[in-house]
Amino acid sequence: RLASAVVTLPVLTSLSPHTARAISPQEASESYDKYAANYDDLDGGGLASSLGIDDARRKLLGTARGDVLEIGAGTGLNLPCYDFDNLRSLTLVDISDGMLSQARRRVEQDATLDG
């Protein structure tokens, strides 16, 4: 039997002038557009491999089947991890046109991705 616990936290009575705010979708898009050409160096590369992220990507995405929607697809870094024989369709969505432009280039440059 699980025991329950209640934790009481103090209520904030004032907000600091340094309180963070969420960025707008437009700001997010513009920010990712700036990094699009070099994003794979941040999200992929040697560091991702040494942390096991590349292996985890391949293992997870290799199990995808049927119609797949990848939200936040970015530069298409995940594309080589899919087993296209098991997909009926793959749709990539991202808030950044710059990132999707990089994904398109990835498909155009890699004949194995052009299903």
PDB file of N, CA and C in Angstrom:
ATOM      1  N   ARG A   1       0.849  -1.184   0.000  1.00  0.00           N
ATOM      2  CA  ARG A   1       0.000   0.000   0.000  1.00  0.00           C
ATOM      3  C   ARG A   1       0.886   1.236   0.000  1.00  0.00           C
ATOM      4  N   LEU A   2       0.553   2.194  -0.870  1.00  0.00           N
ATOM      5  CA  LEU A   2       1.341   3.413  -0.978  1.00  0.00           C
ATOM      6  C   LEU A   2       0.863   4.449   0.021  1.00  0.00           C
ATOM      7  N   ALA A   3       1.823   5.100   0.650  1.00  0.00           N
ATOM      8  CA  ALA A   3       1.491   6.188   1.564  1.00  0.00           C
ATOM      9  C   ALA A   3       1.444   7.483   0.761  1.00  0.00           C
ATOM     10  N   SER A   4       0.587   8.378   1.162  1.00  0.00           N
ATOM     11  CA  SER A   4       0.531   9.660   0.468  1.00  0.00           C
ATOM     12  C   SER A   4       1.183  10.728   1.335  1.00  0.00           C
ATOM     13  N   ALA A   5       1.708  11.748   0.685  1.00  0.00           N
ATOM     14  CA  ALA A   5       2.342  12.837   1.401  1.00  0.00           C
ATOM     15  C   ALA A   5       1.920  14.149   0.766  1.00  0.00           C
ATOM     16  N   VAL A   6       1.811  15.152   1.585  1.00  0.00           N
ATOM     17  CA  VAL A   6       1.475  16.486   1.108  1.00  0.00           C
ATOM     18  C   VAL A   6       2.645  17.384   1.405  1.00  0.00           C
ATOM     19  N   VAL A   7       3.061  18.139   0.407  1.00  0.00           N
ATOM     20  CA  VAL A   7       4.149  19.091   0.592  1.00  0.00           C
ATOM     21  C   VAL A   7       3.572  20.485   0.406  1.00  0.00           C
ATOM     22  N   THR A   8       3.788  21.339   1.372  1.00  0.00           N
ATOM     23  CA  THR A   8       3.307  22.704   1.291  1.00  0.00           C
ATOM     24  C   THR A   8       4.471  23.611   0.930  1.00  0.00           C
ATOM     25  N   LEU A   9       4.275  24.406  -0.106  1.00  0.00           N
ATOM     26  CA  LEU A   9       5.309  25.329  -0.549  1.00  0.00           C
ATOM     27  C   LEU A   9       4.867  26.748  -0.276  1.00  0.00           C
ATOM     28  N   PRO A  10       5.824  27.629   0.017  1.00  0.00           N
ATOM     29  CA  PRO A  10       5.439  29.026   0.244  1.00  0.00           C
ATOM     30  C   PRO A  10       4.914  29.651  -1.060  1.00  0.00           C
ATOM     31  N   VAL A  11       3.971  30.550  -0.945  1.00  0.00           N
ATOM     32  CA  VAL A  11       3.396  31.229  -2.098  1.00  0.00           C
ATOM     33  C   VAL A  11       4.251  32.451  -2.403  1.00  0.00           C
ATOM     34  N   LEU A  12       4.553  32.641  -3.681  1.00  0.00           N
ATOM     35  CA  LEU A  12       5.304  33.834  -4.072  1.00  0.00           C
ATOM     36  C   LEU A  12       4.380  35.040  -3.980  1.00  0.00           C
ATOM     37  N   THR A  13       4.819  36.063  -3.239  1.00  0.00           N
ATOM     38  CA  THR A  13       3.978  37.243  -3.102  1.00  0.00           C
ATOM     39  C   THR A  13       4.368  38.342  -4.076  1.00  0.00           C
ATOM     40  N   SER A  14       5.576  38.252  -4.640  1.00  0.00           N
ATOM     41  CA  SER A  14       5.960  39.253  -5.631  1.00  0.00           C
ATOM     42  C   SER A  14       6.879  38.597  -6.645  1.00  0.00           C
ATOM     43  N   LEU A  15       6.888  39.130  -7.816  1.00  0.00           N
ATOM     44  CA  LEU A  15       7.738  38.608  -8.866  1.00  0.00           C
ATOM     45  C   LEU A  15       8.973  39.480  -8.990  1.00  0.00           C
ATOM     46  N   SER A  16      10.092  38.851  -9.165  1.00  0.00           N
ATOM     47  CA  SER A  16      11.342  39.566  -9.373  1.00  0.00           C
ATOM     48  C   SER A  16      11.299  40.264 -10.723  1.00  0.00           C
ATOM     49  N   PRO A  17      11.959  41.407 -10.850  1.00  0.00           N
ATOM     50  CA  PRO A  17      12.017  42.052 -12.169  1.00  0.00           C
ATOM     51  C   PRO A  17      12.830  41.221 -13.171  1.00  0.00           C
ATOM     52  N   HIS A  18      13.501  40.192 -12.695  1.00  0.00           N
ATOM     53  CA  HIS A  18      14.313  39.330 -13.548  1.00  0.00           C
ATOM     54  C   HIS A  18      13.591  38.036 -13.897  1.00  0.00           C
ATOM     55  N   THR A  19      12.282  38.015 -13.696  1.00  0.00           N
ATOM     56  CA  THR A  19      11.502  36.828 -14.003  1.00  0.00           C
ATOM     57  C   THR A  19      11.564  36.548 -15.506  1.00  0.00           C
ATOM     58  N   ALA A  20      11.833  35.307 -15.844  1.00  0.00           N
ATOM     59  CA  ALA A  20      11.919  34.917 -17.252  1.00  0.00           C
ATOM     60  C   ALA A  20      10.527  34.915 -17.873  1.00  0.00           C
ATOM     61  N   ARG A  21      10.471  35.183 -19.157  1.00  0.00           N
ATOM     62  CA  ARG A  21       9.213  35.101 -19.885  1.00  0.00           C
ATOM     63  C   ARG A  21       9.405  34.138 -21.050  1.00  0.00           C
ATOM     64  N   ALA A  22       8.333  33.540 -21.440  1.00  0.00           N
ATOM     65  CA  ALA A  22       8.391  32.630 -22.586  1.00  0.00           C
ATOM     66  C   ALA A  22       8.566  33.450 -23.854  1.00  0.00           C
ATOM     67  N   ILE A  23       9.278  32.889 -24.812  1.00  0.00           N
ATOM     68  CA  ILE A  23       9.423  33.589 -26.087  1.00  0.00           C
ATOM     69  C   ILE A  23       8.242  33.268 -26.987  1.00  0.00           C
ATOM     70  N   SER A  24       7.975  34.147 -27.896  1.00  0.00           N
ATOM     71  CA  SER A  24       6.853  33.945 -28.813  1.00  0.00           C
ATOM     72  C   SER A  24       7.242  32.923 -29.875  1.00  0.00           C
ATOM     73  N   PRO A  25       6.253  32.350 -30.558  1.00  0.00           N
ATOM     74  CA  PRO A  25       6.578  31.437 -31.661  1.00  0.00           C
ATOM     75  C   PRO A  25       7.453  32.110 -32.725  1.00  0.00           C
ATOM     76  N   GLN A  26       7.186  33.378 -33.009  1.00  0.00           N
ATOM     77  CA  GLN A  26       7.993  34.112 -33.995  1.00  0.00           C
ATOM     78  C   GLN A  26       9.447  34.226 -33.530  1.00  0.00           C
ATOM     79  N   GLU A  27       9.654  34.527 -32.246  1.00  0.00           N
ATOM     80  CA  GLU A  27      11.009  34.623 -31.707  1.00  0.00           C
ATOM     81  C   GLU A  27      11.712  33.266 -31.747  1.00  0.00           C
ATOM     82  N   ALA A  28      10.970  32.209 -31.453  1.00  0.00           N
ATOM     83  CA  ALA A  28      11.550  30.860 -31.504  1.00  0.00           C
ATOM     84  C   ALA A  28      11.974  30.525 -32.923  1.00  0.00           C
ATOM     85  N   SER A  29      11.098  30.808 -33.872  1.00  0.00           N
ATOM     86  CA  SER A  29      11.401  30.533 -35.272  1.00  0.00           C
ATOM     87  C   SER A  29      12.644  31.288 -35.725  1.00  0.00           C
ATOM     88  N   GLU A  30      12.702  32.573 -35.422  1.00  0.00           N
ATOM     89  CA  GLU A  30      13.854  33.388 -35.816  1.00  0.00           C
ATOM     90  C   GLU A  30      15.138  32.903 -35.159  1.00  0.00           C
ATOM     91  N   SER A  31      15.041  32.496 -33.903  1.00  0.00           N
ATOM     92  CA  SER A  31      16.220  31.999 -33.190  1.00  0.00           C
ATOM     93  C   SER A  31      16.753  30.722 -33.822  1.00  0.00           C
ATOM     94  N   TYR A  32      15.859  29.771 -34.090  1.00  0.00           N
ATOM     95  CA  TYR A  32      16.290  28.516 -34.712  1.00  0.00           C
ATOM     96  C   TYR A  32      16.774  28.729 -36.142  1.00  0.00           C
ATOM     97  N   ASP A  33      16.169  29.705 -36.847  1.00  0.00           N
ATOM     98  CA  ASP A  33      16.645  30.016 -38.194  1.00  0.00           C
ATOM     99  C   ASP A  33      18.118  30.411 -38.170  1.00  0.00           C
ATOM    100  N   LYS A  34      18.524  31.160 -37.150  1.00  0.00           N
ATOM    101  CA  LYS A  34      19.918  31.612 -37.039  1.00  0.00           C
ATOM    102  C   LYS A  34      20.878  30.444 -36.839  1.00  0.00           C
ATOM    103  N   TYR A  35      20.451  29.424 -36.107  1.00  0.00           N
ATOM    104  CA  TYR A  35      21.317  28.289 -35.784  1.00  0.00           C
ATOM    105  C   TYR A  35      21.217  27.137 -36.771  1.00  0.00           C
ATOM    106  N   ALA A  36      20.278  27.206 -37.705  1.00  0.00           N
ATOM    107  CA  ALA A  36      19.964  26.064 -38.561  1.00  0.00           C
ATOM    108  C   ALA A  36      21.185  25.471 -39.262  1.00  0.00           C
ATOM    109  N   ALA A  37      22.035  26.299 -39.821  1.00  0.00           N
ATOM    110  CA  ALA A  37      23.184  25.799 -40.588  1.00  0.00           C
ATOM    111  C   ALA A  37      24.176  25.030 -39.727  1.00  0.00           C
ATOM    112  N   ASN A  38      24.229  25.340 -38.428  1.00  0.00           N
ATOM    113  CA  ASN A  38      25.201  24.691 -37.530  1.00  0.00           C
ATOM    114  C   ASN A  38      24.542  23.876 -36.429  1.00  0.00           C
ATOM    115  N   TYR A  39      23.229  23.701 -36.493  1.00  0.00           N
ATOM    116  CA  TYR A  39      22.509  23.047 -35.399  1.00  0.00           C
ATOM    117  C   TYR A  39      22.968  21.616 -35.149  1.00  0.00           C
ATOM    118  N   ASP A  40      23.283  20.894 -36.198  1.00  0.00           N
ATOM    119  CA  ASP A  40      23.696  19.495 -36.027  1.00  0.00           C
ATOM    120  C   ASP A  40      24.964  19.378 -35.181  1.00  0.00           C
ATOM    121  N   ASP A  41      25.814  20.398 -35.200  1.00  0.00           N
ATOM    122  CA  ASP A  41      27.007  20.392 -34.361  1.00  0.00           C
ATOM    123  C   ASP A  41      26.634  20.494 -32.889  1.00  0.00           C
ATOM    124  N   LEU A  42      25.495  21.124 -32.600  1.00  0.00           N
ATOM    125  CA  LEU A  42      25.041  21.263 -31.216  1.00  0.00           C
ATOM    126  C   LEU A  42      24.284  20.032 -30.743  1.00  0.00           C
ATOM    127  N   ASP A  43      23.424  19.496 -31.603  1.00  0.00           N
ATOM    128  CA  ASP A  43      22.530  18.406 -31.221  1.00  0.00           C
ATOM    129  C   ASP A  43      23.063  17.028 -31.612  1.00  0.00           C
ATOM    130  N   GLY A  44      24.009  16.987 -32.520  1.00  0.00           N
ATOM    131  CA  GLY A  44      24.573  15.717 -32.981  1.00  0.00           C
ATOM    132  C   GLY A  44      26.071  15.713 -32.727  1.00  0.00           C
ATOM    133  N   GLY A  45      26.798  15.042 -33.568  1.00  0.00           N
ATOM    134  CA  GLY A  45      28.251  15.052 -33.475  1.00  0.00           C
ATOM    135  C   GLY A  45      28.809  14.169 -32.384  1.00  0.00           C
ATOM    136  N   GLY A  46      30.078  14.432 -32.083  1.00  0.00           N
ATOM    137  CA  GLY A  46      30.816  13.593 -31.142  1.00  0.00           C
ATOM    138  C   GLY A  46      30.243  13.555 -29.743  1.00  0.00           C
ATOM    139  N   LEU A  47      29.777  14.686 -29.250  1.00  0.00           N
ATOM    140  CA  LEU A  47      29.230  14.715 -27.895  1.00  0.00           C
ATOM    141  C   LEU A  47      27.990  13.832 -27.795  1.00  0.00           C
ATOM    142  N   ALA A  48      27.095  13.951 -28.775  1.00  0.00           N
ATOM    143  CA  ALA A  48      25.881  13.119 -28.765  1.00  0.00           C
ATOM    144  C   ALA A  48      26.247  11.640 -28.806  1.00  0.00           C
ATOM    145  N   SER A  49      27.242  11.293 -29.610  1.00  0.00           N
ATOM    146  CA  SER A  49      27.674   9.896 -29.689  1.00  0.00           C
ATOM    147  C   SER A  49      28.246   9.422 -28.368  1.00  0.00           C
ATOM    148  N   SER A  50      29.090  10.248 -27.752  1.00  0.00           N
ATOM    149  CA  SER A  50      29.723   9.832 -26.491  1.00  0.00           C
ATOM    150  C   SER A  50      28.712   9.694 -25.359  1.00  0.00           C
ATOM    151  N   LEU A  51      27.604  10.420 -25.444  1.00  0.00           N
ATOM    152  CA  LEU A  51      26.559  10.325 -24.418  1.00  0.00           C
ATOM    153  C   LEU A  51      25.543   9.225 -24.716  1.00  0.00           C
ATOM    154  N   GLY A  52      25.687   8.566 -25.861  1.00  0.00           N
ATOM    155  CA  GLY A  52      24.770   7.491 -26.225  1.00  0.00           C
ATOM    156  C   GLY A  52      23.492   7.964 -26.882  1.00  0.00           C
ATOM    157  N   ILE A  53      23.421   9.250 -27.214  1.00  0.00           N
ATOM    158  CA  ILE A  53      22.200   9.799 -27.801  1.00  0.00           C
ATOM    159  C   ILE A  53      21.970   9.231 -29.198  1.00  0.00           C
ATOM    160  N   ASP A  54      23.028   9.116 -29.988  1.00  0.00           N
ATOM    161  CA  ASP A  54      22.875   8.563 -31.337  1.00  0.00           C
ATOM    162  C   ASP A  54      22.335   7.136 -31.293  1.00  0.00           C
ATOM    163  N   ASP A  55      22.864   6.319 -30.392  1.00  0.00           N
ATOM    164  CA  ASP A  55      22.380   4.943 -30.264  1.00  0.00           C
ATOM    165  C   ASP A  55      20.915   4.912 -29.831  1.00  0.00           C
ATOM    166  N   ALA A  56      20.556   5.786 -28.900  1.00  0.00           N
ATOM    167  CA  ALA A  56      19.165   5.842 -28.430  1.00  0.00           C
ATOM    168  C   ALA A  56      18.232   6.267 -29.565  1.00  0.00           C
ATOM    169  N   ARG A  57      18.666   7.248 -30.362  1.00  0.00           N
ATOM    170  CA  ARG A  57      17.869   7.685 -31.523  1.00  0.00           C
ATOM    171  C   ARG A  57      17.609   6.519 -32.463  1.00  0.00           C
ATOM    172  N   ARG A  58      18.685   5.824 -32.830  1.00  0.00           N
ATOM    173  CA  ARG A  58      18.552   4.698 -33.774  1.00  0.00           C
ATOM    174  C   ARG A  58      17.635   3.617 -33.216  1.00  0.00           C
ATOM    175  N   LYS A  59      17.804   3.308 -31.943  1.00  0.00           N
ATOM    176  CA  LYS A  59      16.999   2.249 -31.329  1.00  0.00           C
ATOM    177  C   LYS A  59      15.513   2.638 -31.295  1.00  0.00           C
ATOM    178  N   LEU A  60      15.212   3.844 -30.892  1.00  0.00           N
ATOM    179  CA  LEU A  60      13.818   4.282 -30.791  1.00  0.00           C
ATOM    180  C   LEU A  60      13.180   4.454 -32.166  1.00  0.00           C
ATOM    181  N   LEU A  61      13.832   5.206 -33.036  1.00  0.00           N
ATOM    182  CA  LEU A  61      13.221   5.533 -34.320  1.00  0.00           C
ATOM    183  C   LEU A  61      13.194   4.343 -35.269  1.00  0.00           C
ATOM    184  N   GLY A  62      14.069   3.401 -35.070  1.00  0.00           N
ATOM    185  CA  GLY A  62      14.065   2.193 -35.883  1.00  0.00           C
ATOM    186  C   GLY A  62      12.833   1.338 -35.660  1.00  0.00           C
ATOM    187  N   THR A  63      12.087   1.611 -34.587  1.00  0.00           N
ATOM    188  CA  THR A  63      10.869   0.851 -34.291  1.00  0.00           C
ATOM    189  C   THR A  63       9.614   1.507 -34.862  1.00  0.00           C
ATOM    190  N   ALA A  64       9.769   2.699 -35.438  1.00  0.00           N
ATOM    191  CA  ALA A  64       8.609   3.424 -35.976  1.00  0.00           C
ATOM    192  C   ALA A  64       7.964   2.635 -37.112  1.00  0.00           C
ATOM    193  N   ARG A  65       6.641   2.673 -37.177  1.00  0.00           N
ATOM    194  CA  ARG A  65       5.884   1.933 -38.188  1.00  0.00           C
ATOM    195  C   ARG A  65       4.747   2.782 -38.727  1.00  0.00           C
ATOM    196  N   GLY A  66       4.345   2.548 -39.974  1.00  0.00           N
ATOM    197  CA  GLY A  66       3.150   3.180 -40.537  1.00  0.00           C
ATOM    198  C   GLY A  66       3.351   4.632 -40.896  1.00  0.00           C
ATOM    199  N   ASP A  67       2.372   5.452 -40.532  1.00  0.00           N
ATOM    200  CA  ASP A  67       2.417   6.890 -40.787  1.00  0.00           C
ATOM    201  C   ASP A  67       3.027   7.575 -39.572  1.00  0.00           C
ATOM    202  N   VAL A  68       4.112   8.294 -39.786  1.00  0.00           N
ATOM    203  CA  VAL A  68       4.857   8.908 -38.680  1.00  0.00           C
ATOM    204  C   VAL A  68       4.860  10.414 -38.837  1.00  0.00           C
ATOM    205  N   LEU A  69       4.602  11.124 -37.756  1.00  0.00           N
ATOM    206  CA  LEU A  69       4.676  12.574 -37.699  1.00  0.00           C
ATOM    207  C   LEU A  69       5.768  12.932 -36.705  1.00  0.00           C
ATOM    208  N   GLU A  70       6.819  13.582 -37.185  1.00  0.00           N
ATOM    209  CA  GLU A  70       7.893  14.023 -36.296  1.00  0.00           C
ATOM    210  C   GLU A  70       7.731  15.524 -36.079  1.00  0.00           C
ATOM    211  N   ILE A  71       7.389  15.897 -34.873  1.00  0.00           N
ATOM    212  CA  ILE A  71       7.180  17.291 -34.499  1.00  0.00           C
ATOM    213  C   ILE A  71       8.485  17.824 -33.913  1.00  0.00           C
ATOM    214  N   GLY A  72       8.903  18.989 -34.387  1.00  0.00           N
ATOM    215  CA  GLY A  72      10.186  19.541 -33.961  1.00  0.00           C
ATOM    216  C   GLY A  72      11.320  18.812 -34.655  1.00  0.00           C
ATOM    217  N   ALA A  73      11.140  18.525 -35.933  1.00  0.00           N
ATOM    218  CA  ALA A  73      12.090  17.706 -36.682  1.00  0.00           C
ATOM    219  C   ALA A  73      13.415  18.400 -36.942  1.00  0.00           C
ATOM    220  N   GLY A  74      13.426  19.702 -36.833  1.00  0.00           N
ATOM    221  CA  GLY A  74      14.674  20.438 -37.013  1.00  0.00           C
ATOM    222  C   GLY A  74      15.316  20.198 -38.362  1.00  0.00           C
ATOM    223  N   THR A  75      16.592  19.878 -38.334  1.00  0.00           N
ATOM    224  CA  THR A  75      17.388  19.700 -39.550  1.00  0.00           C
ATOM    225  C   THR A  75      17.256  18.312 -40.154  1.00  0.00           C
ATOM    226  N   GLY A  76      16.417  17.476 -39.570  1.00  0.00           N
ATOM    227  CA  GLY A  76      16.271  16.113 -40.073  1.00  0.00           C
ATOM    228  C   GLY A  76      17.346  15.181 -39.558  1.00  0.00           C
ATOM    229  N   LEU A  77      17.953  15.555 -38.442  1.00  0.00           N
ATOM    230  CA  LEU A  77      19.023  14.749 -37.851  1.00  0.00           C
ATOM    231  C   LEU A  77      18.578  13.312 -37.589  1.00  0.00           C
ATOM    232  N   ASN A  78      17.291  13.107 -37.347  1.00  0.00           N
ATOM    233  CA  ASN A  78      16.780  11.759 -37.075  1.00  0.00           C
ATOM    234  C   ASN A  78      16.543  10.922 -38.330  1.00  0.00           C
ATOM    235  N   LEU A  79      16.514  11.543 -39.490  1.00  0.00           N
ATOM    236  CA  LEU A  79      16.138  10.834 -40.716  1.00  0.00           C
ATOM    237  C   LEU A  79      16.906   9.532 -40.951  1.00  0.00           C
ATOM    238  N   PRO A  80      18.213   9.494 -40.809  1.00  0.00           N
ATOM    239  CA  PRO A  80      18.921   8.235 -41.075  1.00  0.00           C
ATOM    240  C   PRO A  80      18.589   7.118 -40.086  1.00  0.00           C
ATOM    241  N   CYS A  81      17.910   7.453 -39.008  1.00  0.00           N
ATOM    242  CA  CYS A  81      17.593   6.459 -37.977  1.00  0.00           C
ATOM    243  C   CYS A  81      16.324   5.673 -38.263  1.00  0.00           C
ATOM    244  N   TYR A  82      15.496   6.158 -39.167  1.00  0.00           N
ATOM    245  CA  TYR A  82      14.251   5.466 -39.499  1.00  0.00           C
ATOM    246  C   TYR A  82      14.522   4.288 -40.422  1.00  0.00           C
ATOM    247  N   ASP A  83      13.725   3.237 -40.260  1.00  0.00           N
ATOM    248  CA  ASP A  83      13.729   2.112 -41.191  1.00  0.00           C
ATOM    249  C   ASP A  83      12.589   2.358 -42.168  1.00  0.00           C
ATOM    250  N   PHE A  84      12.912   2.943 -43.329  1.00  0.00           N
ATOM    251  CA  PHE A  84      11.890   3.378 -44.279  1.00  0.00           C
ATOM    252  C   PHE A  84      11.083   2.219 -44.854  1.00  0.00           C
ATOM    253  N   ASP A  85      11.583   0.998 -44.781  1.00  0.00           N
ATOM    254  CA  ASP A  85      10.805  -0.160 -45.237  1.00  0.00           C
ATOM    255  C   ASP A  85       9.565  -0.366 -44.377  1.00  0.00           C
ATOM    256  N   ASN A  86       9.593   0.154 -43.144  1.00  0.00           N
ATOM    257  CA  ASN A  86       8.469  -0.025 -42.222  1.00  0.00           C
ATOM    258  C   ASN A  86       7.549   1.187 -42.149  1.00  0.00           C
ATOM    259  N   LEU A  87       7.851   2.230 -42.948  1.00  0.00           N
ATOM    260  CA  LEU A  87       7.036   3.445 -42.920  1.00  0.00           C
ATOM    261  C   LEU A  87       6.168   3.545 -44.159  1.00  0.00           C
ATOM    262  N   ARG A  88       4.936   3.961 -43.964  1.00  0.00           N
ATOM    263  CA  ARG A  88       4.055   4.273 -45.080  1.00  0.00           C
ATOM    264  C   ARG A  88       4.284   5.736 -45.472  1.00  0.00           C
ATOM    265  N   SER A  89       4.435   6.605 -44.462  1.00  0.00           N
ATOM    266  CA  SER A  89       4.727   8.009 -44.710  1.00  0.00           C
ATOM    267  C   SER A  89       5.479   8.583 -43.516  1.00  0.00           C
ATOM    268  N   LEU A  90       6.234   9.636 -43.771  1.00  0.00           N
ATOM    269  CA  LEU A  90       6.951  10.358 -42.720  1.00  0.00           C
ATOM    270  C   LEU A  90       6.760  11.834 -42.992  1.00  0.00           C
ATOM    271  N   THR A  91       6.181  12.545 -42.040  1.00  0.00           N
ATOM    272  CA  THR A  91       5.946  13.977 -42.158  1.00  0.00           C
ATOM    273  C   THR A  91       6.780  14.683 -41.106  1.00  0.00           C
ATOM    274  N   LEU A  92       7.573  15.656 -41.548  1.00  0.00           N
ATOM    275  CA  LEU A  92       8.405  16.441 -40.646  1.00  0.00           C
ATOM    276  C   LEU A  92       7.789  17.821 -40.461  1.00  0.00           C
ATOM    277  N   VAL A  93       7.711  18.279 -39.220  1.00  0.00           N
ATOM    278  CA  VAL A  93       7.153  19.583 -38.895  1.00  0.00           C
ATOM    279  C   VAL A  93       8.138  20.299 -37.988  1.00  0.00           C
ATOM    280  N   ASP A  94       8.341  21.599 -38.233  1.00  0.00           N
ATOM    281  CA  ASP A  94       9.192  22.407 -37.359  1.00  0.00           C
ATOM    282  C   ASP A  94       8.737  23.851 -37.446  1.00  0.00           C
ATOM    283  N   ILE A  95       8.947  24.599 -36.399  1.00  0.00           N
ATOM    284  CA  ILE A  95       8.554  26.006 -36.365  1.00  0.00           C
ATOM    285  C   ILE A  95       9.483  26.871 -37.208  1.00  0.00           C
ATOM    286  N   SER A  96      10.667  26.355 -37.511  1.00  0.00           N
ATOM    287  CA  SER A  96      11.691  27.122 -38.212  1.00  0.00           C
ATOM    288  C   SER A  96      11.825  26.698 -39.671  1.00  0.00           C
ATOM    289  N   ASP A  97      11.601  27.647 -40.568  1.00  0.00           N
ATOM    290  CA  ASP A  97      11.803  27.365 -41.985  1.00  0.00           C
ATOM    291  C   ASP A  97      13.264  27.047 -42.271  1.00  0.00           C
ATOM    292  N   GLY A  98      14.167  27.699 -41.549  1.00  0.00           N
ATOM    293  CA  GLY A  98      15.596  27.437 -41.728  1.00  0.00           C
ATOM    294  C   GLY A  98      15.960  26.002 -41.388  1.00  0.00           C
ATOM    295  N   MET A  99      15.393  25.483 -40.322  1.00  0.00           N
ATOM    296  CA  MET A  99      15.663  24.100 -39.928  1.00  0.00           C
ATOM    297  C   MET A  99      15.098  23.138 -40.971  1.00  0.00           C
ATOM    298  N   LEU A 100      13.878  23.378 -41.434  1.00  0.00           N
ATOM    299  CA  LEU A 100      13.285  22.503 -42.444  1.00  0.00           C
ATOM    300  C   LEU A 100      14.048  22.578 -43.768  1.00  0.00           C
ATOM    301  N   SER A 101      14.605  23.725 -44.057  1.00  0.00           N
ATOM    302  CA  SER A 101      15.431  23.862 -45.256  1.00  0.00           C
ATOM    303  C   SER A 101      16.650  22.947 -45.164  1.00  0.00           C
ATOM    304  N   GLN A 102      17.238  22.866 -43.983  1.00  0.00           N
ATOM    305  CA  GLN A 102      18.373  21.960 -43.763  1.00  0.00           C
ATOM    306  C   GLN A 102      17.929  20.498 -43.899  1.00  0.00           C
ATOM    307  N   ALA A 103      16.734  20.184 -43.420  1.00  0.00           N
ATOM    308  CA  ALA A 103      16.203  18.817 -43.553  1.00  0.00           C
ATOM    309  C   ALA A 103      16.011  18.462 -45.027  1.00  0.00           C
ATOM    310  N   ARG A 104      15.485  19.401 -45.803  1.00  0.00           N
ATOM    311  CA  ARG A 104      15.319  19.153 -47.243  1.00  0.00           C
ATOM    312  C   ARG A 104      16.671  18.883 -47.906  1.00  0.00           C
ATOM    313  N   ARG A 105      17.674  19.686 -47.542  1.00  0.00           N
ATOM    314  CA  ARG A 105      19.018  19.475 -48.098  1.00  0.00           C
ATOM    315  C   ARG A 105      19.541  18.089 -47.744  1.00  0.00           C
ATOM    316  N   ARG A 106      19.279  17.677 -46.516  1.00  0.00           N
ATOM    317  CA  ARG A 106      19.734  16.354 -46.070  1.00  0.00           C
ATOM    318  C   ARG A 106      19.130  15.272 -46.963  1.00  0.00           C
ATOM    319  N   VAL A 107      17.841  15.385 -47.253  1.00  0.00           N
ATOM    320  CA  VAL A 107      17.163  14.396 -48.110  1.00  0.00           C
ATOM    321  C   VAL A 107      17.735  14.439 -49.525  1.00  0.00           C
ATOM    322  N   GLU A 108      17.932  15.644 -50.054  1.00  0.00           N
ATOM    323  CA  GLU A 108      18.453  15.787 -51.418  1.00  0.00           C
ATOM    324  C   GLU A 108      19.870  15.235 -51.562  1.00  0.00           C
ATOM    325  N   GLN A 109      20.671  15.327 -50.500  1.00  0.00           N
ATOM    326  CA  GLN A 109      22.072  14.902 -50.564  1.00  0.00           C
ATOM    327  C   GLN A 109      22.280  13.429 -50.222  1.00  0.00           C
ATOM    328  N   ASP A 110      21.277  12.789 -49.649  1.00  0.00           N
ATOM    329  CA  ASP A 110      21.413  11.391 -49.232  1.00  0.00           C
ATOM    330  C   ASP A 110      20.379  10.546 -49.969  1.00  0.00           C
ATOM    331  N   ALA A 111      20.805   9.848 -50.992  1.00  0.00           N
ATOM    332  CA  ALA A 111      19.886   9.054 -51.831  1.00  0.00           C
ATOM    333  C   ALA A 111      19.139   7.985 -51.027  1.00  0.00           C
ATOM    334  N   THR A 112      19.704   7.527 -49.909  1.00  0.00           N
ATOM    335  CA  THR A 112      19.018   6.499 -49.111  1.00  0.00           C
ATOM    336  C   THR A 112      17.802   7.068 -48.406  1.00  0.00           C
ATOM    337  N   LEU A 113      17.688   8.404 -48.307  1.00  0.00           N
ATOM    338  CA  LEU A 113      16.552   9.026 -47.631  1.00  0.00           C
ATOM    339  C   LEU A 113      15.433   9.391 -48.583  1.00  0.00           C
ATOM    340  N   ASP A 114      15.678   9.295 -49.863  1.00  0.00           N
ATOM    341  CA  ASP A 114      14.663   9.672 -50.846  1.00  0.00           C
ATOM    342  C   ASP A 114      13.820   8.465 -51.211  1.00  0.00           C
ATOM    343  N   GLY A 115      12.820   8.181 -50.326  1.00  0.00           N
ATOM    344  CA  GLY A 115      11.999   7.003 -50.520  1.00  0.00           C
ATOM    345  C   GLY A 115      11.002   7.249 -51.559  1.00  0.00           C
TER     346      GLY A 115
END
